[in-house]
Amino acid sequence: MQKITTFLWFDTRAEEAANYYVSVFGGDSEVLRTTYCNDAAPGRTGSVMTVQFRLAGQEYVALNGGPQFPFTEAISLSVDCATQEELDTLWAEFTAEGEEGQCGWLKDKYGLSWQLVPRGFEEALSDPDPAKAERAMKAMMGMRKLDIEALRNA
């Protein structure tokens, strides 16, 4: 069992969101357990309260907590994308019903913020040549979806 688990607060769509994320990431991703409200819980008896799920080996819990606390960009999930193709695929999936942001950030259809980061990103921004690192940073600041080749060539 992992020591720290991220809880994601949804209004009423925790189960739908967990199933969606599992379908997007596949592989080592699955719904692990669902709990339901009882008479003592704040929700409707029998409705989904929490969904524990795993994405790419990392566990999360989705909670149907009500409308009080919507997602903001103050927290995001960062995904290390092994290839530009993986990044492009995830970007297309999440922005199909979500919205693009700047510098590799986006919001999915549930309002959760994600950062899709290509491998080699940090190296481009921290190149030993300060002028090259600055060009990479300037290139990144003008992007929505990150393009690793464009960053390396900056």
Protein backbone atom coordinates (compact mmCIF):
# COMPACT_ATOMS: atom_id res chain seq x y z
CA MET A 1 0.00 0.00 0.00
CA GLN A 2 1.33 3.45 -0.88
CA LYS A 3 1.84 5.89 1.97
CA ILE A 4 0.24 8.96 0.35
CA THR A 5 -2.90 8.81 -1.80
CA THR A 6 -4.39 11.74 -3.70
CA PHE A 7 -8.12 12.33 -3.10
CA LEU A 8 -10.00 14.02 -5.93
CA TRP A 9 -13.22 15.78 -4.91
CA PHE A 10 -16.05 15.58 -7.44
CA ASP A 11 -19.58 16.85 -7.12
CA THR A 12 -21.39 13.66 -8.20
CA ARG A 13 -19.30 12.14 -11.02
CA ALA A 14 -16.53 10.29 -9.13
CA GLU A 15 -17.36 6.87 -10.55
CA GLU A 16 -17.69 8.17 -14.11
CA ALA A 17 -14.38 10.05 -13.81
CA ALA A 18 -12.48 7.09 -12.34
CA ASN A 19 -13.71 4.81 -15.12
CA TYR A 20 -12.77 7.42 -17.72
CA TYR A 21 -9.23 7.88 -16.37
CA VAL A 22 -8.71 4.10 -16.21
CA SER A 23 -9.81 3.81 -19.84
CA VAL A 24 -7.46 6.61 -20.92
CA PHE A 25 -4.34 5.23 -19.23
CA GLY A 26 -5.00 1.47 -19.61
CA GLY A 27 -2.11 -0.82 -18.68
CA ASP A 28 -1.54 -0.80 -14.93
CA SER A 29 -4.80 1.10 -14.36
CA GLU A 30 -7.99 -0.23 -12.80
CA VAL A 31 -10.86 0.55 -10.47
CA LEU A 32 -9.99 -1.13 -7.17
CA ARG A 33 -12.99 -0.54 -4.91
CA THR A 34 -16.20 1.44 -4.71
CA THR A 35 -17.91 2.45 -1.47
CA TYR A 36 -21.52 3.53 -1.15
CA CYS A 37 -23.34 5.96 1.12
CA ASN A 38 -25.32 4.48 3.98
CA ASP A 39 -27.88 6.14 6.24
CA ALA A 40 -25.13 7.85 8.27
CA ALA A 41 -23.35 9.31 5.20
CA PRO A 42 -24.11 12.78 3.84
CA GLY A 43 -25.10 11.46 0.38
CA ARG A 44 -28.17 9.58 -0.81
CA THR A 45 -28.20 6.04 0.65
CA GLY A 46 -26.87 3.61 -1.95
CA SER A 47 -25.18 6.26 -4.08
CA VAL A 48 -21.44 6.09 -4.79
CA MET A 49 -19.37 7.78 -2.09
CA THR A 50 -15.78 6.92 -3.13
CA VAL A 51 -13.98 5.09 -5.90
CA GLN A 52 -10.43 3.88 -5.31
CA PHE A 53 -8.53 3.46 -8.56
CA ARG A 54 -5.03 3.06 -9.95
CA LEU A 55 -3.55 4.95 -12.90
CA ALA A 56 -0.21 3.72 -14.24
CA GLY A 57 0.57 2.16 -10.85
CA GLN A 58 -0.40 5.24 -8.75
CA GLU A 59 -3.50 5.02 -6.53
CA TYR A 60 -6.15 7.72 -6.20
CA VAL A 61 -9.53 8.05 -4.55
CA ALA A 62 -12.41 9.91 -6.20
CA LEU A 63 -14.96 11.27 -3.72
CA ASN A 64 -18.50 12.45 -4.44
CA GLY A 65 -18.34 15.34 -2.00
CA GLY A 66 -20.79 17.80 -3.48
CA PRO A 67 -20.39 21.14 -5.26
CA GLN A 68 -18.57 23.03 -2.49
CA PHE A 69 -14.99 22.54 -3.78
CA PRO A 70 -14.50 22.57 -7.56
CA PHE A 71 -11.07 21.89 -9.04
CA THR A 72 -8.71 24.79 -9.72
CA GLU A 73 -5.30 25.02 -11.37
CA ALA A 74 -3.78 25.22 -7.89
CA ILE A 75 -3.33 21.44 -8.17
CA SER A 76 -2.57 19.42 -11.27
CA LEU A 77 -1.49 15.92 -12.18
CA SER A 78 1.75 15.81 -14.17
CA VAL A 79 2.22 12.98 -16.66
CA ASP A 80 5.69 11.95 -17.85
CA CYS A 81 5.12 11.15 -21.53
CA ALA A 82 7.72 8.76 -22.95
CA THR A 83 7.12 9.93 -26.52
CA GLN A 84 5.61 12.84 -28.39
CA GLU A 85 3.03 10.38 -29.73
CA GLU A 86 1.90 9.49 -26.18
CA LEU A 87 1.65 13.18 -25.31
CA ASP A 88 -0.31 13.93 -28.49
CA THR A 89 -2.74 11.05 -27.80
CA LEU A 90 -3.39 12.12 -24.20
CA TRP A 91 -3.70 15.77 -25.22
CA ALA A 92 -6.32 14.92 -27.84
CA GLU A 93 -8.27 12.72 -25.40
CA PHE A 94 -8.32 15.22 -22.53
CA THR A 95 -8.99 18.33 -24.62
CA ALA A 96 -11.76 16.71 -26.71
CA GLU A 97 -14.26 17.78 -24.03
CA GLY A 98 -11.86 19.81 -21.90
CA GLU A 99 -9.81 22.91 -22.60
CA GLU A 100 -6.24 23.70 -23.56
CA GLY A 101 -4.03 25.79 -21.34
CA GLN A 102 -0.54 27.23 -21.75
CA CYS A 103 2.80 25.45 -21.48
CA GLY A 104 1.51 21.88 -21.57
CA TRP A 105 -1.38 22.40 -19.12
CA LEU A 106 -4.99 21.48 -19.83
CA LYS A 107 -8.26 20.83 -18.04
CA ASP A 108 -10.20 17.65 -18.70
CA LYS A 109 -13.99 17.42 -18.96
CA TYR A 110 -14.26 17.18 -15.16
CA GLY A 111 -12.23 20.36 -14.60
CA LEU A 112 -9.11 18.54 -13.33
CA SER A 113 -5.84 20.13 -14.47
CA TRP A 114 -3.11 18.03 -16.06
CA GLN A 115 0.42 18.77 -17.22
CA LEU A 116 1.55 16.59 -20.12
CA VAL A 117 5.34 16.67 -20.12
CA PRO A 118 7.55 15.05 -22.76
CA ARG A 119 10.74 13.29 -21.75
CA GLY A 120 13.68 15.59 -22.34
CA PHE A 121 11.69 18.65 -21.28
CA GLU A 122 13.78 19.41 -18.19
CA GLU A 123 17.04 18.93 -20.09
CA ALA A 124 15.96 21.45 -22.73
CA LEU A 125 15.07 24.06 -20.10
CA SER A 126 18.24 23.49 -18.07
CA ASP A 127 20.76 23.27 -20.92
CA PRO A 128 24.29 24.21 -19.74
CA ASP A 129 24.28 26.90 -22.45
CA PRO A 130 22.19 29.70 -20.86
CA ALA A 131 21.23 31.13 -24.25
CA LYS A 132 19.91 27.75 -25.43
CA ALA A 133 17.96 27.25 -22.18
CA GLU A 134 16.47 30.72 -22.56
CA ARG A 135 15.40 29.98 -26.15
CA ALA A 136 13.78 26.74 -24.99
CA MET A 137 11.92 28.59 -22.22
CA LYS A 138 10.75 31.25 -24.67
CA ALA A 139 9.56 28.53 -27.07
CA MET A 140 7.70 26.74 -24.25
CA MET A 141 5.98 29.95 -23.15
CA GLY A 142 4.47 30.27 -26.64
CA MET A 143 3.12 26.71 -26.72
CA ARG A 144 -0.08 25.12 -25.59
CA LYS A 145 0.71 21.44 -26.19
CA LEU A 146 4.45 20.90 -25.66
CA ASP A 147 6.55 19.81 -28.63
CA ILE A 148 9.83 18.26 -27.49
CA GLU A 149 11.57 18.61 -30.87
CA ALA A 150 10.70 22.30 -31.07
CA LEU A 151 12.06 22.78 -27.54
CA ARG A 152 15.28 20.91 -28.33
CA ASN A 153 15.75 22.86 -31.56
CA ALA A 154 15.10 26.27 -29.98
